[in-house]
């Protein structure tokens, strides 16, 4: 039996390594930083580091035509303890994509994002109120940056969600790079990546040639066959309660409805005069497993011929023996 997580300790660990959304000083610790094509949330400390180094590099630059090489401010790692809603859960190997997605929304498979809605885990006394406080502060952070314009992405919820929530996502397919990559390049600021190339995977399920969509989503497999030489897969950085990486074929089974320790980046850009905010998953680990799958009514092999309510055997998987049929008398 798995012990109940110490949520106070998990929160303390997030506070020590990340920016915890519910903290009172959250809005004082972070700020938006504008880059060439998009904006990201960074810590105030990181922004000041960059600006100081940028000025120092410019003053020491001998050739004014050469751009000083200063590492841009790294994104702030925001964190929370959330439950992944069972409604509109698209964190699967196909990201919920179908050929209709291309017709309806103009989204090709390589551009789709595996997504889910994060909501209050509820009924956890140690962190009661944290989700609501964090969500309010994140909304304020985004509202101040959108100047009253129409905002989409982060708060794309509807009546199917009974509780306040925000949308998180992860780009599962990415075009291969042709050289050294920096964070947020490749024309897609919502993919926050490190500079190293794709790691060699021993397990084919984590590679594009074995990405598990063939059986349940043959139309997605056709798309993969087209792009297998030009793209790579980016598995969701999700880990089970034991800390082991969750296999792509198990995303829905192990994440839908689970309580997770969530780390993410918050990004923004303007598309067609709309402010698009995106919470891009950095890492998440299951703290409370997802509810199991079952049917509303337990299945029985057959209906007992006699009422077995008073039977001493309460095992629902066993059945009382049927009465022996009497042989028919021959005429």
C-alpha atoms as a PDB file:
ATOM      1  CA  UNK A   1       0.000   0.000   0.000  1.00  0.00           C
ATOM      2  CA  UNK A   2       1.331   3.441  -0.961  1.00  0.00           C
ATOM      3  CA  UNK A   3       1.581   5.929   1.908  1.00  0.00           C
ATOM      4  CA  UNK A   4      -0.369   9.175   1.673  1.00  0.00           C
ATOM      5  CA  UNK A   5       1.892  11.966   0.403  1.00  0.00           C
ATOM      6  CA  UNK A   6       3.059  14.633   2.827  1.00  0.00           C
ATOM      7  CA  UNK A   7       1.574  17.592   0.946  1.00  0.00           C
ATOM      8  CA  UNK A   8       3.130  20.170   3.254  1.00  0.00           C
ATOM      9  CA  UNK A   9       6.541  18.693   2.471  1.00  0.00           C
ATOM     10  CA  UNK A  10       5.809  18.585  -1.267  1.00  0.00           C
ATOM     11  CA  UNK A  11       4.831  22.254  -1.150  1.00  0.00           C
ATOM     12  CA  UNK A  12       8.025  23.102   0.737  1.00  0.00           C
ATOM     13  CA  UNK A  13      10.077  21.323  -1.929  1.00  0.00           C
ATOM     14  CA  UNK A  14       8.359  23.300  -4.686  1.00  0.00           C
ATOM     15  CA  UNK A  15       9.012  26.544  -2.829  1.00  0.00           C
ATOM     16  CA  UNK A  16      12.695  25.706  -2.508  1.00  0.00           C
ATOM     17  CA  UNK A  17      13.181  25.009  -6.232  1.00  0.00           C
ATOM     18  CA  UNK A  18      10.450  26.952  -8.039  1.00  0.00           C
ATOM     19  CA  UNK A  19       8.123  29.920  -7.712  1.00  0.00           C
ATOM     20  CA  UNK A  20       5.030  28.637  -5.912  1.00  0.00           C
ATOM     21  CA  UNK A  21       1.920  30.258  -7.384  1.00  0.00           C
ATOM     22  CA  UNK A  22       0.043  30.646  -4.097  1.00  0.00           C
ATOM     23  CA  UNK A  23       2.772  32.488  -2.194  1.00  0.00           C
ATOM     24  CA  UNK A  24       1.916  36.008  -1.062  1.00  0.00           C
ATOM     25  CA  UNK A  25       4.983  37.466  -2.795  1.00  0.00           C
ATOM     26  CA  UNK A  26       4.381  35.675  -6.099  1.00  0.00           C
ATOM     27  CA  UNK A  27       3.620  38.855  -8.064  1.00  0.00           C
ATOM     28  CA  UNK A  28       6.637  40.599  -6.583  1.00  0.00           C
ATOM     29  CA  UNK A  29       9.024  37.779  -7.522  1.00  0.00           C
ATOM     30  CA  UNK A  30       8.171  37.490 -11.224  1.00  0.00           C
ATOM     31  CA  UNK A  31       7.714  39.741 -14.224  1.00  0.00           C
ATOM     32  CA  UNK A  32       7.122  39.527 -17.958  1.00  0.00           C
ATOM     33  CA  UNK A  33      10.175  39.827 -20.168  1.00  0.00           C
ATOM     34  CA  UNK A  34       9.813  40.711 -23.834  1.00  0.00           C
ATOM     35  CA  UNK A  35      11.922  38.899 -26.420  1.00  0.00           C
ATOM     36  CA  UNK A  36      11.916  39.253 -30.199  1.00  0.00           C
ATOM     37  CA  UNK A  37       8.812  37.183 -30.967  1.00  0.00           C
ATOM     38  CA  UNK A  38       7.196  36.427 -27.637  1.00  0.00           C
ATOM     39  CA  UNK A  39       7.180  37.175 -23.922  1.00  0.00           C
ATOM     40  CA  UNK A  40       7.960  34.888 -21.003  1.00  0.00           C
ATOM     41  CA  UNK A  41       7.614  35.100 -17.245  1.00  0.00           C
ATOM     42  CA  UNK A  42      10.999  35.324 -15.548  1.00  0.00           C
ATOM     43  CA  UNK A  43      12.073  36.004 -11.990  1.00  0.00           C
ATOM     44  CA  UNK A  44      12.963  39.591 -11.150  1.00  0.00           C
ATOM     45  CA  UNK A  45      16.390  38.347 -10.091  1.00  0.00           C
ATOM     46  CA  UNK A  46      17.027  36.697 -13.465  1.00  0.00           C
ATOM     47  CA  UNK A  47      15.885  39.787 -15.368  1.00  0.00           C
ATOM     48  CA  UNK A  48      18.247  41.988 -13.369  1.00  0.00           C
ATOM     49  CA  UNK A  49      21.100  39.526 -13.971  1.00  0.00           C
ATOM     50  CA  UNK A  50      20.559  39.692 -17.726  1.00  0.00           C
ATOM     51  CA  UNK A  51      20.270  43.464 -17.892  1.00  0.00           C
ATOM     52  CA  UNK A  52      23.431  43.924 -15.800  1.00  0.00           C
ATOM     53  CA  UNK A  53      25.427  41.496 -17.950  1.00  0.00           C
ATOM     54  CA  UNK A  54      24.049  43.032 -21.135  1.00  0.00           C
ATOM     55  CA  UNK A  55      25.234  46.508 -20.163  1.00  0.00           C
ATOM     56  CA  UNK A  56      28.645  45.194 -19.047  1.00  0.00           C
ATOM     57  CA  UNK A  57      29.091  43.260 -22.309  1.00  0.00           C
ATOM     58  CA  UNK A  58      28.129  46.271 -24.391  1.00  0.00           C
ATOM     59  CA  UNK A  59      30.641  48.508 -22.587  1.00  0.00           C
ATOM     60  CA  UNK A  60      33.455  46.016 -23.092  1.00  0.00           C
ATOM     61  CA  UNK A  61      32.603  45.241 -26.717  1.00  0.00           C
ATOM     62  CA  UNK A  62      35.439  46.253 -29.049  1.00  0.00           C
ATOM     63  CA  UNK A  63      33.549  45.841 -32.327  1.00  0.00           C
ATOM     64  CA  UNK A  64      30.232  47.781 -32.250  1.00  0.00           C
ATOM     65  CA  UNK A  65      28.906  45.721 -35.162  1.00  0.00           C
ATOM     66  CA  UNK A  66      29.101  42.461 -33.196  1.00  0.00           C
ATOM     67  CA  UNK A  67      26.183  41.678 -30.912  1.00  0.00           C
ATOM     68  CA  UNK A  68      27.315  40.973 -27.314  1.00  0.00           C
ATOM     69  CA  UNK A  69      26.805  37.338 -26.358  1.00  0.00           C
ATOM     70  CA  UNK A  70      24.718  37.349 -23.199  1.00  0.00           C
ATOM     71  CA  UNK A  71      22.426  34.475 -22.260  1.00  0.00           C
ATOM     72  CA  UNK A  72      18.790  35.656 -22.319  1.00  0.00           C
ATOM     73  CA  UNK A  73      16.889  35.500 -19.025  1.00  0.00           C
ATOM     74  CA  UNK A  74      15.778  31.957 -18.413  1.00  0.00           C
ATOM     75  CA  UNK A  75      12.055  31.374 -17.832  1.00  0.00           C
ATOM     76  CA  UNK A  76      10.776  31.218 -14.284  1.00  0.00           C
ATOM     77  CA  UNK A  77       9.641  27.759 -13.229  1.00  0.00           C
ATOM     78  CA  UNK A  78       6.152  28.229 -11.781  1.00  0.00           C
ATOM     79  CA  UNK A  79       4.643  25.477  -9.658  1.00  0.00           C
ATOM     80  CA  UNK A  80       1.479  24.226  -8.014  1.00  0.00           C
ATOM     81  CA  UNK A  81      -0.174  21.064  -6.718  1.00  0.00           C
ATOM     82  CA  UNK A  82      -3.186  20.371  -8.922  1.00  0.00           C
ATOM     83  CA  UNK A  83      -5.586  17.714 -10.086  1.00  0.00           C
ATOM     84  CA  UNK A  84      -5.700  17.034 -13.823  1.00  0.00           C
ATOM     85  CA  UNK A  85      -9.343  17.337 -14.761  1.00  0.00           C
ATOM     86  CA  UNK A  86     -11.070  14.392 -16.380  1.00  0.00           C
ATOM     87  CA  UNK A  87     -12.957  16.798 -18.663  1.00  0.00           C
ATOM     88  CA  UNK A  88     -11.349  17.678 -22.003  1.00  0.00           C
ATOM     89  CA  UNK A  89      -8.258  15.626 -21.236  1.00  0.00           C
ATOM     90  CA  UNK A  90      -6.049  15.451 -24.332  1.00  0.00           C
ATOM     91  CA  UNK A  91      -2.724  14.415 -22.814  1.00  0.00           C
ATOM     92  CA  UNK A  92      -2.303  11.392 -25.011  1.00  0.00           C
ATOM     93  CA  UNK A  93       0.180  10.207 -27.612  1.00  0.00           C
ATOM     94  CA  UNK A  94      -1.922  11.852 -30.335  1.00  0.00           C
ATOM     95  CA  UNK A  95      -2.748  14.988 -28.333  1.00  0.00           C
ATOM     96  CA  UNK A  96      -6.414  14.581 -29.210  1.00  0.00           C
ATOM     97  CA  UNK A  97      -5.650  15.354 -32.853  1.00  0.00           C
ATOM     98  CA  UNK A  98      -7.827  14.011 -35.670  1.00  0.00           C
ATOM     99  CA  UNK A  99      -8.023  14.900 -39.372  1.00  0.00           C
ATOM    100  CA  UNK A 100     -11.017  17.064 -38.426  1.00  0.00           C
ATOM    101  CA  UNK A 101      -8.664  19.245 -36.373  1.00  0.00           C
ATOM    102  CA  UNK A 102      -6.968  20.347 -39.577  1.00  0.00           C
ATOM    103  CA  UNK A 103     -10.298  21.221 -41.208  1.00  0.00           C
ATOM    104  CA  UNK A 104     -11.922  22.802 -38.140  1.00  0.00           C
ATOM    105  CA  UNK A 105      -9.020  24.720 -36.607  1.00  0.00           C
ATOM    106  CA  UNK A 106      -6.273  24.550 -39.231  1.00  0.00           C
ATOM    107  CA  UNK A 107      -3.982  22.669 -36.862  1.00  0.00           C
ATOM    108  CA  UNK A 108      -1.689  20.100 -38.496  1.00  0.00           C
ATOM    109  CA  UNK A 109      -0.586  17.156 -36.378  1.00  0.00           C
ATOM    110  CA  UNK A 110       3.020  18.369 -35.878  1.00  0.00           C
ATOM    111  CA  UNK A 111       1.596  21.583 -34.403  1.00  0.00           C
ATOM    112  CA  UNK A 112      -0.816  20.034 -31.923  1.00  0.00           C
ATOM    113  CA  UNK A 113      -0.246  20.147 -28.164  1.00  0.00           C
ATOM    114  CA  UNK A 114      -1.144  17.471 -25.667  1.00  0.00           C
ATOM    115  CA  UNK A 115      -3.255  19.372 -23.154  1.00  0.00           C
ATOM    116  CA  UNK A 116      -5.265  19.080 -19.959  1.00  0.00           C
ATOM    117  CA  UNK A 117      -6.934  21.364 -17.437  1.00  0.00           C
ATOM    118  CA  UNK A 118      -5.447  21.793 -13.972  1.00  0.00           C
ATOM    119  CA  UNK A 119      -7.961  22.272 -11.165  1.00  0.00           C
ATOM    120  CA  UNK A 120      -8.076  22.437  -7.372  1.00  0.00           C
ATOM    121  CA  UNK A 121      -7.180  18.991  -5.942  1.00  0.00           C
ATOM    122  CA  UNK A 122      -9.719  19.620  -3.132  1.00  0.00           C
ATOM    123  CA  UNK A 123     -10.071  17.770   0.174  1.00  0.00           C
ATOM    124  CA  UNK A 124      -6.372  18.152   1.024  1.00  0.00           C
ATOM    125  CA  UNK A 125      -6.281  20.151   4.280  1.00  0.00           C
ATOM    126  CA  UNK A 126      -2.558  20.981   4.114  1.00  0.00           C
ATOM    127  CA  UNK A 127      -2.946  23.019   0.924  1.00  0.00           C
ATOM    128  CA  UNK A 128      -6.537  24.240   1.185  1.00  0.00           C
ATOM    129  CA  UNK A 129      -6.902  27.581  -0.568  1.00  0.00           C
ATOM    130  CA  UNK A 130      -3.575  27.342  -2.414  1.00  0.00           C
ATOM    131  CA  UNK A 131      -5.059  26.660  -5.830  1.00  0.00           C
ATOM    132  CA  UNK A 132      -7.568  29.527  -5.686  1.00  0.00           C
ATOM    133  CA  UNK A 133      -4.908  31.960  -4.457  1.00  0.00           C
ATOM    134  CA  UNK A 134      -2.440  30.885  -7.131  1.00  0.00           C
ATOM    135  CA  UNK A 135      -5.034  31.039  -9.907  1.00  0.00           C
ATOM    136  CA  UNK A 136      -6.094  34.563  -8.906  1.00  0.00           C
ATOM    137  CA  UNK A 137      -2.504  35.770  -8.999  1.00  0.00           C
ATOM    138  CA  UNK A 138      -1.796  34.143 -12.355  1.00  0.00           C
ATOM    139  CA  UNK A 139      -4.937  35.728 -13.829  1.00  0.00           C
ATOM    140  CA  UNK A 140      -3.809  39.115 -12.510  1.00  0.00           C
ATOM    141  CA  UNK A 141      -0.351  38.593 -14.002  1.00  0.00           C
ATOM    142  CA  UNK A 142      -1.855  37.841 -17.419  1.00  0.00           C
ATOM    143  CA  UNK A 143      -4.489  40.562 -17.257  1.00  0.00           C
ATOM    144  CA  UNK A 144      -1.893  43.225 -16.554  1.00  0.00           C
ATOM    145  CA  UNK A 145       0.050  42.066 -19.610  1.00  0.00           C
ATOM    146  CA  UNK A 146      -2.880  41.877 -22.048  1.00  0.00           C
ATOM    147  CA  UNK A 147      -4.061  45.478 -21.601  1.00  0.00           C
ATOM    148  CA  UNK A 148      -7.718  44.536 -21.699  1.00  0.00           C
ATOM    149  CA  UNK A 149      -7.539  42.694 -25.035  1.00  0.00           C
ATOM    150  CA  UNK A 150      -9.050  39.318 -25.791  1.00  0.00           C
ATOM    151  CA  UNK A 151      -7.081  36.518 -24.144  1.00  0.00           C
ATOM    152  CA  UNK A 152      -7.124  32.829 -25.075  1.00  0.00           C
ATOM    153  CA  UNK A 153      -5.207  29.669 -24.292  1.00  0.00           C
ATOM    154  CA  UNK A 154      -4.619  29.615 -20.561  1.00  0.00           C
ATOM    155  CA  UNK A 155      -8.238  30.034 -19.484  1.00  0.00           C
ATOM    156  CA  UNK A 156      -9.919  28.164 -22.336  1.00  0.00           C
ATOM    157  CA  UNK A 157     -12.532  26.502 -20.146  1.00  0.00           C
ATOM    158  CA  UNK A 158     -16.252  26.164 -20.641  1.00  0.00           C
ATOM    159  CA  UNK A 159     -19.342  24.839 -18.908  1.00  0.00           C
ATOM    160  CA  UNK A 160     -18.005  21.286 -19.009  1.00  0.00           C
ATOM    161  CA  UNK A 161     -15.697  22.257 -16.112  1.00  0.00           C
ATOM    162  CA  UNK A 162     -17.446  22.434 -12.759  1.00  0.00           C
ATOM    163  CA  UNK A 163     -14.488  24.075 -11.011  1.00  0.00           C
ATOM    164  CA  UNK A 164     -12.056  26.940 -11.797  1.00  0.00           C
ATOM    165  CA  UNK A 165      -9.109  25.674 -13.820  1.00  0.00           C
ATOM    166  CA  UNK A 166      -6.336  26.626 -16.210  1.00  0.00           C
ATOM    167  CA  UNK A 167      -4.995  24.886 -19.281  1.00  0.00           C
ATOM    168  CA  UNK A 168      -1.555  23.280 -19.456  1.00  0.00           C
ATOM    169  CA  UNK A 169       0.087  21.715 -22.482  1.00  0.00           C
ATOM    170  CA  UNK A 170       3.131  20.156 -24.061  1.00  0.00           C
ATOM    171  CA  UNK A 171       4.262  20.030 -27.687  1.00  0.00           C
ATOM    172  CA  UNK A 172       4.770  16.336 -28.452  1.00  0.00           C
ATOM    173  CA  UNK A 173       6.152  16.671 -32.000  1.00  0.00           C
ATOM    174  CA  UNK A 174       8.991  18.976 -33.005  1.00  0.00           C
ATOM    175  CA  UNK A 175      10.940  19.574 -36.173  1.00  0.00           C
ATOM    176  CA  UNK A 176      14.543  18.416 -36.089  1.00  0.00           C
ATOM    177  CA  UNK A 177      17.028  21.221 -35.650  1.00  0.00           C
ATOM    178  CA  UNK A 178      19.862  21.931 -38.043  1.00  0.00           C
ATOM    179  CA  UNK A 179      22.223  23.382 -35.471  1.00  0.00           C
ATOM    180  CA  UNK A 180      22.506  24.649 -31.921  1.00  0.00           C
ATOM    181  CA  UNK A 181      19.143  25.579 -30.480  1.00  0.00           C
ATOM    182  CA  UNK A 182      18.293  28.167 -27.883  1.00  0.00           C
ATOM    183  CA  UNK A 183      15.265  28.293 -25.667  1.00  0.00           C
ATOM    184  CA  UNK A 184      12.130  29.175 -27.598  1.00  0.00           C
ATOM    185  CA  UNK A 185      13.652  29.199 -31.076  1.00  0.00           C
ATOM    186  CA  UNK A 186      12.617  27.124 -34.105  1.00  0.00           C
ATOM    187  CA  UNK A 187       9.816  29.627 -34.735  1.00  0.00           C
ATOM    188  CA  UNK A 188       7.792  28.297 -31.818  1.00  0.00           C
ATOM    189  CA  UNK A 189       8.110  30.228 -28.563  1.00  0.00           C
ATOM    190  CA  UNK A 190       5.819  27.814 -26.771  1.00  0.00           C
ATOM    191  CA  UNK A 191       8.381  25.013 -26.948  1.00  0.00           C
ATOM    192  CA  UNK A 192      10.860  25.622 -24.167  1.00  0.00           C
ATOM    193  CA  UNK A 193      13.793  23.310 -24.826  1.00  0.00           C
ATOM    194  CA  UNK A 194      17.350  22.816 -23.711  1.00  0.00           C
ATOM    195  CA  UNK A 195      20.269  23.076 -26.104  1.00  0.00           C
ATOM    196  CA  UNK A 196      21.111  19.395 -26.279  1.00  0.00           C
ATOM    197  CA  UNK A 197      19.809  17.234 -29.074  1.00  0.00           C
ATOM    198  CA  UNK A 198      17.230  14.524 -28.555  1.00  0.00           C
ATOM    199  CA  UNK A 199      18.525  11.843 -26.227  1.00  0.00           C
ATOM    200  CA  UNK A 200      18.942   8.351 -27.583  1.00  0.00           C
ATOM    201  CA  UNK A 201      15.984   6.265 -26.475  1.00  0.00           C
ATOM    202  CA  UNK A 202      16.327   2.554 -25.824  1.00  0.00           C
ATOM    203  CA  UNK A 203      12.562   2.149 -25.634  1.00  0.00           C
ATOM    204  CA  UNK A 204      11.025   2.505 -29.130  1.00  0.00           C
ATOM    205  CA  UNK A 205       7.740   3.710 -27.617  1.00  0.00           C
ATOM    206  CA  UNK A 206       9.411   7.027 -26.824  1.00  0.00           C
ATOM    207  CA  UNK A 207      10.749   7.449 -30.374  1.00  0.00           C
ATOM    208  CA  UNK A 208       8.857   8.600 -33.437  1.00  0.00           C
ATOM    209  CA  UNK A 209       9.206   5.187 -35.113  1.00  0.00           C
ATOM    210  CA  UNK A 210       7.451   3.476 -32.205  1.00  0.00           C
ATOM    211  CA  UNK A 211       5.173   6.268 -30.953  1.00  0.00           C
ATOM    212  CA  UNK A 212       2.042   4.369 -29.798  1.00  0.00           C
ATOM    213  CA  UNK A 213      -0.723   5.562 -32.118  1.00  0.00           C
ATOM    214  CA  UNK A 214      -0.839   2.808 -34.743  1.00  0.00           C
ATOM    215  CA  UNK A 215      -3.580   0.652 -33.201  1.00  0.00           C
ATOM    216  CA  UNK A 216      -6.023   3.221 -31.812  1.00  0.00           C
ATOM    217  CA  UNK A 217      -5.285   6.147 -34.139  1.00  0.00           C
ATOM    218  CA  UNK A 218      -4.305   4.879 -37.604  1.00  0.00           C
ATOM    219  CA  UNK A 219      -4.954   8.316 -39.118  1.00  0.00           C
ATOM    220  CA  UNK A 220      -2.287   9.798 -36.795  1.00  0.00           C
ATOM    221  CA  UNK A 221       0.085   7.003 -37.766  1.00  0.00           C
ATOM    222  CA  UNK A 222      -0.268   8.106 -41.374  1.00  0.00           C
ATOM    223  CA  UNK A 223       0.794  11.617 -40.360  1.00  0.00           C
ATOM    224  CA  UNK A 224       3.779  10.227 -38.449  1.00  0.00           C
ATOM    225  CA  UNK A 225       4.873   8.234 -41.472  1.00  0.00           C
ATOM    226  CA  UNK A 226       5.061  11.474 -43.467  1.00  0.00           C
ATOM    227  CA  UNK A 227       7.169  13.401 -40.951  1.00  0.00           C
ATOM    228  CA  UNK A 228       9.287  10.655 -39.381  1.00  0.00           C
ATOM    229  CA  UNK A 229      12.465  11.827 -41.158  1.00  0.00           C
ATOM    230  CA  UNK A 230      12.027  15.520 -40.398  1.00  0.00           C
ATOM    231  CA  UNK A 231      10.607  15.520 -36.862  1.00  0.00           C
ATOM    232  CA  UNK A 232      11.220  14.001 -33.436  1.00  0.00           C
ATOM    233  CA  UNK A 233       8.925  13.214 -30.540  1.00  0.00           C
ATOM    234  CA  UNK A 234       8.985  15.090 -27.251  1.00  0.00           C
ATOM    235  CA  UNK A 235       7.452  12.777 -24.633  1.00  0.00           C
ATOM    236  CA  UNK A 236       5.516  14.486 -21.859  1.00  0.00           C
ATOM    237  CA  UNK A 237       7.859  14.892 -18.853  1.00  0.00           C
ATOM    238  CA  UNK A 238       5.462  13.057 -16.560  1.00  0.00           C
ATOM    239  CA  UNK A 239       6.406  10.630 -13.785  1.00  0.00           C
ATOM    240  CA  UNK A 240       4.358   8.175 -11.772  1.00  0.00           C
ATOM    241  CA  UNK A 241       4.123   7.984  -7.994  1.00  0.00           C
ATOM    242  CA  UNK A 242       7.374   5.967  -7.878  1.00  0.00           C
ATOM    243  CA  UNK A 243       9.234   8.604  -9.910  1.00  0.00           C
ATOM    244  CA  UNK A 244       9.425   6.525 -13.092  1.00  0.00           C
ATOM    245  CA  UNK A 245       8.684   8.083 -16.466  1.00  0.00           C
ATOM    246  CA  UNK A 246       5.161   7.367 -17.681  1.00  0.00           C
ATOM    247  CA  UNK A 247       5.004   5.593 -21.029  1.00  0.00           C
ATOM    248  CA  UNK A 248       3.152   7.418 -23.838  1.00  0.00           C
ATOM    249  CA  UNK A 249       0.617   4.600 -24.133  1.00  0.00           C
ATOM    250  CA  UNK A 250      -0.233   5.111 -20.423  1.00  0.00           C
ATOM    251  CA  UNK A 251      -0.671   8.888 -20.325  1.00  0.00           C
ATOM    252  CA  UNK A 252      -4.461   8.860 -20.013  1.00  0.00           C
ATOM    253  CA  UNK A 253      -4.594   5.889 -17.646  1.00  0.00           C
ATOM    254  CA  UNK A 254      -2.097   7.374 -15.199  1.00  0.00           C
ATOM    255  CA  UNK A 255      -2.703  11.126 -15.485  1.00  0.00           C
ATOM    256  CA  UNK A 256      -6.410  11.740 -16.086  1.00  0.00           C
ATOM    257  CA  UNK A 257      -7.862  12.653 -12.688  1.00  0.00           C
ATOM    258  CA  UNK A 258      -4.534  12.316 -10.835  1.00  0.00           C
ATOM    259  CA  UNK A 259      -3.176  14.834  -8.307  1.00  0.00           C
ATOM    260  CA  UNK A 260       0.236  15.978  -9.518  1.00  0.00           C
ATOM    261  CA  UNK A 261       3.132  18.183  -8.526  1.00  0.00           C
ATOM    262  CA  UNK A 262       3.243  20.552 -11.490  1.00  0.00           C
ATOM    263  CA  UNK A 263       6.092  22.705 -12.798  1.00  0.00           C
ATOM    264  CA  UNK A 264       5.531  24.870 -15.863  1.00  0.00           C
ATOM    265  CA  UNK A 265       6.595  27.924 -17.855  1.00  0.00           C
ATOM    266  CA  UNK A 266       4.218  30.787 -18.677  1.00  0.00           C
ATOM    267  CA  UNK A 267       4.512  32.396 -22.121  1.00  0.00           C
ATOM    268  CA  UNK A 268       2.652  34.973 -24.195  1.00  0.00           C
ATOM    269  CA  UNK A 269       2.433  36.220 -27.731  1.00  0.00           C
ATOM    270  CA  UNK A 270      -0.090  38.084 -29.888  1.00  0.00           C
ATOM    271  CA  UNK A 271      -1.712  36.154 -32.746  1.00  0.00           C
ATOM    272  CA  UNK A 272      -4.339  37.781 -34.958  1.00  0.00           C
ATOM    273  CA  UNK A 273      -4.795  40.611 -32.455  1.00  0.00           C
ATOM    274  CA  UNK A 274      -5.457  38.148 -29.626  1.00  0.00           C
ATOM    275  CA  UNK A 275      -3.308  37.595 -26.556  1.00  0.00           C
ATOM    276  CA  UNK A 276      -2.353  33.926 -26.352  1.00  0.00           C
ATOM    277  CA  UNK A 277      -1.088  32.700 -22.982  1.00  0.00           C
ATOM    278  CA  UNK A 278       0.353  29.217 -22.636  1.00  0.00           C
ATOM    279  CA  UNK A 279       1.391  27.165 -19.623  1.00  0.00           C
ATOM    280  CA  UNK A 280       4.035  24.795 -20.972  1.00  0.00           C
ATOM    281  CA  UNK A 281       4.731  21.747 -18.819  1.00  0.00           C
ATOM    282  CA  UNK A 282       8.295  21.439 -17.568  1.00  0.00           C
ATOM    283  CA  UNK A 283       7.693  18.423 -15.351  1.00  0.00           C
ATOM    284  CA  UNK A 284       4.980  16.775 -13.311  1.00  0.00           C
ATOM    285  CA  UNK A 285       4.881  13.872 -10.909  1.00  0.00           C
ATOM    286  CA  UNK A 286       1.884  11.955  -9.679  1.00  0.00           C
ATOM    287  CA  UNK A 287       1.200  12.335  -5.952  1.00  0.00           C
ATOM    288  CA  UNK A 288      -2.221  10.669  -5.859  1.00  0.00           C
ATOM    289  CA  UNK A 289      -2.925   8.099  -8.617  1.00  0.00           C
ATOM    290  CA  UNK A 290      -5.711   8.561 -11.135  1.00  0.00           C
ATOM    291  CA  UNK A 291      -9.043   6.859 -10.400  1.00  0.00           C
ATOM    292  CA  UNK A 292      -9.229   3.343 -11.876  1.00  0.00           C
ATOM    293  CA  UNK A 293     -11.326   2.472 -14.893  1.00  0.00           C
ATOM    294  CA  UNK A 294     -14.458   0.410 -14.314  1.00  0.00           C
ATOM    295  CA  UNK A 295     -18.007  -0.050 -15.546  1.00  0.00           C
ATOM    296  CA  UNK A 296     -21.013   1.528 -13.764  1.00  0.00           C
ATOM    297  CA  UNK A 297     -22.549  -1.898 -13.128  1.00  0.00           C
ATOM    298  CA  UNK A 298     -20.353  -4.886 -12.158  1.00  0.00           C
ATOM    299  CA  UNK A 299     -20.525  -7.500 -14.850  1.00  0.00           C
ATOM    300  CA  UNK A 300     -21.641 -11.032 -14.085  1.00  0.00           C
ATOM    301  CA  UNK A 301     -21.183 -14.014 -16.287  1.00  0.00           C
ATOM    302  CA  UNK A 302     -24.846 -14.897 -15.928  1.00  0.00           C
ATOM    303  CA  UNK A 303     -27.827 -14.254 -13.684  1.00  0.00           C
ATOM    304  CA  UNK A 304     -28.192 -16.764 -10.876  1.00  0.00           C
ATOM    305  CA  UNK A 305     -31.347 -18.861 -11.163  1.00  0.00           C
ATOM    306  CA  UNK A 306     -32.001 -18.561  -7.408  1.00  0.00           C
ATOM    307  CA  UNK A 307     -31.724 -15.604  -5.049  1.00  0.00           C
ATOM    308  CA  UNK A 308     -28.235 -15.805  -3.561  1.00  0.00           C
ATOM    309  CA  UNK A 309     -28.615 -12.887  -1.121  1.00  0.00           C
ATOM    310  CA  UNK A 310     -28.343 -15.109   1.959  1.00  0.00           C
ATOM    311  CA  UNK A 311     -25.402 -17.043   0.613  1.00  0.00           C
ATOM    312  CA  UNK A 312     -22.417 -17.295   2.963  1.00  0.00           C
ATOM    313  CA  UNK A 313     -20.156 -16.587   0.022  1.00  0.00           C
ATOM    314  CA  UNK A 314     -20.088 -12.800  -0.454  1.00  0.00           C
ATOM    315  CA  UNK A 315     -17.546 -12.962  -3.261  1.00  0.00           C
ATOM    316  CA  UNK A 316     -19.233 -11.239  -6.177  1.00  0.00           C
ATOM    317  CA  UNK A 317     -17.006 -13.057  -8.607  1.00  0.00           C
ATOM    318  CA  UNK A 318     -18.414 -16.455  -7.614  1.00  0.00           C
ATOM    319  CA  UNK A 319     -21.870 -17.772  -8.360  1.00  0.00           C
ATOM    320  CA  UNK A 320     -24.052 -20.431  -6.742  1.00  0.00           C
ATOM    321  CA  UNK A 321     -24.232 -23.678  -8.624  1.00  0.00           C
ATOM    322  CA  UNK A 322     -27.171 -24.140 -10.936  1.00  0.00           C
ATOM    323  CA  UNK A 323     -29.674 -26.833  -9.968  1.00  0.00           C
ATOM    324  CA  UNK A 324     -29.100 -30.081 -11.763  1.00  0.00           C
ATOM    325  CA  UNK A 325     -31.529 -30.670 -14.608  1.00  0.00           C
ATOM    326  CA  UNK A 326     -33.649 -33.742 -14.267  1.00  0.00           C
ATOM    327  CA  UNK A 327     -33.396 -36.110 -17.203  1.00  0.00           C
ATOM    328  CA  UNK A 328     -36.433 -36.174 -19.388  1.00  0.00           C
ATOM    329  CA  UNK A 329     -38.476 -39.344 -19.191  1.00  0.00           C
ATOM    330  CA  UNK A 330     -38.684 -41.189 -22.436  1.00  0.00           C
ATOM    331  CA  UNK A 331     -42.127 -41.946 -23.645  1.00  0.00           C
END
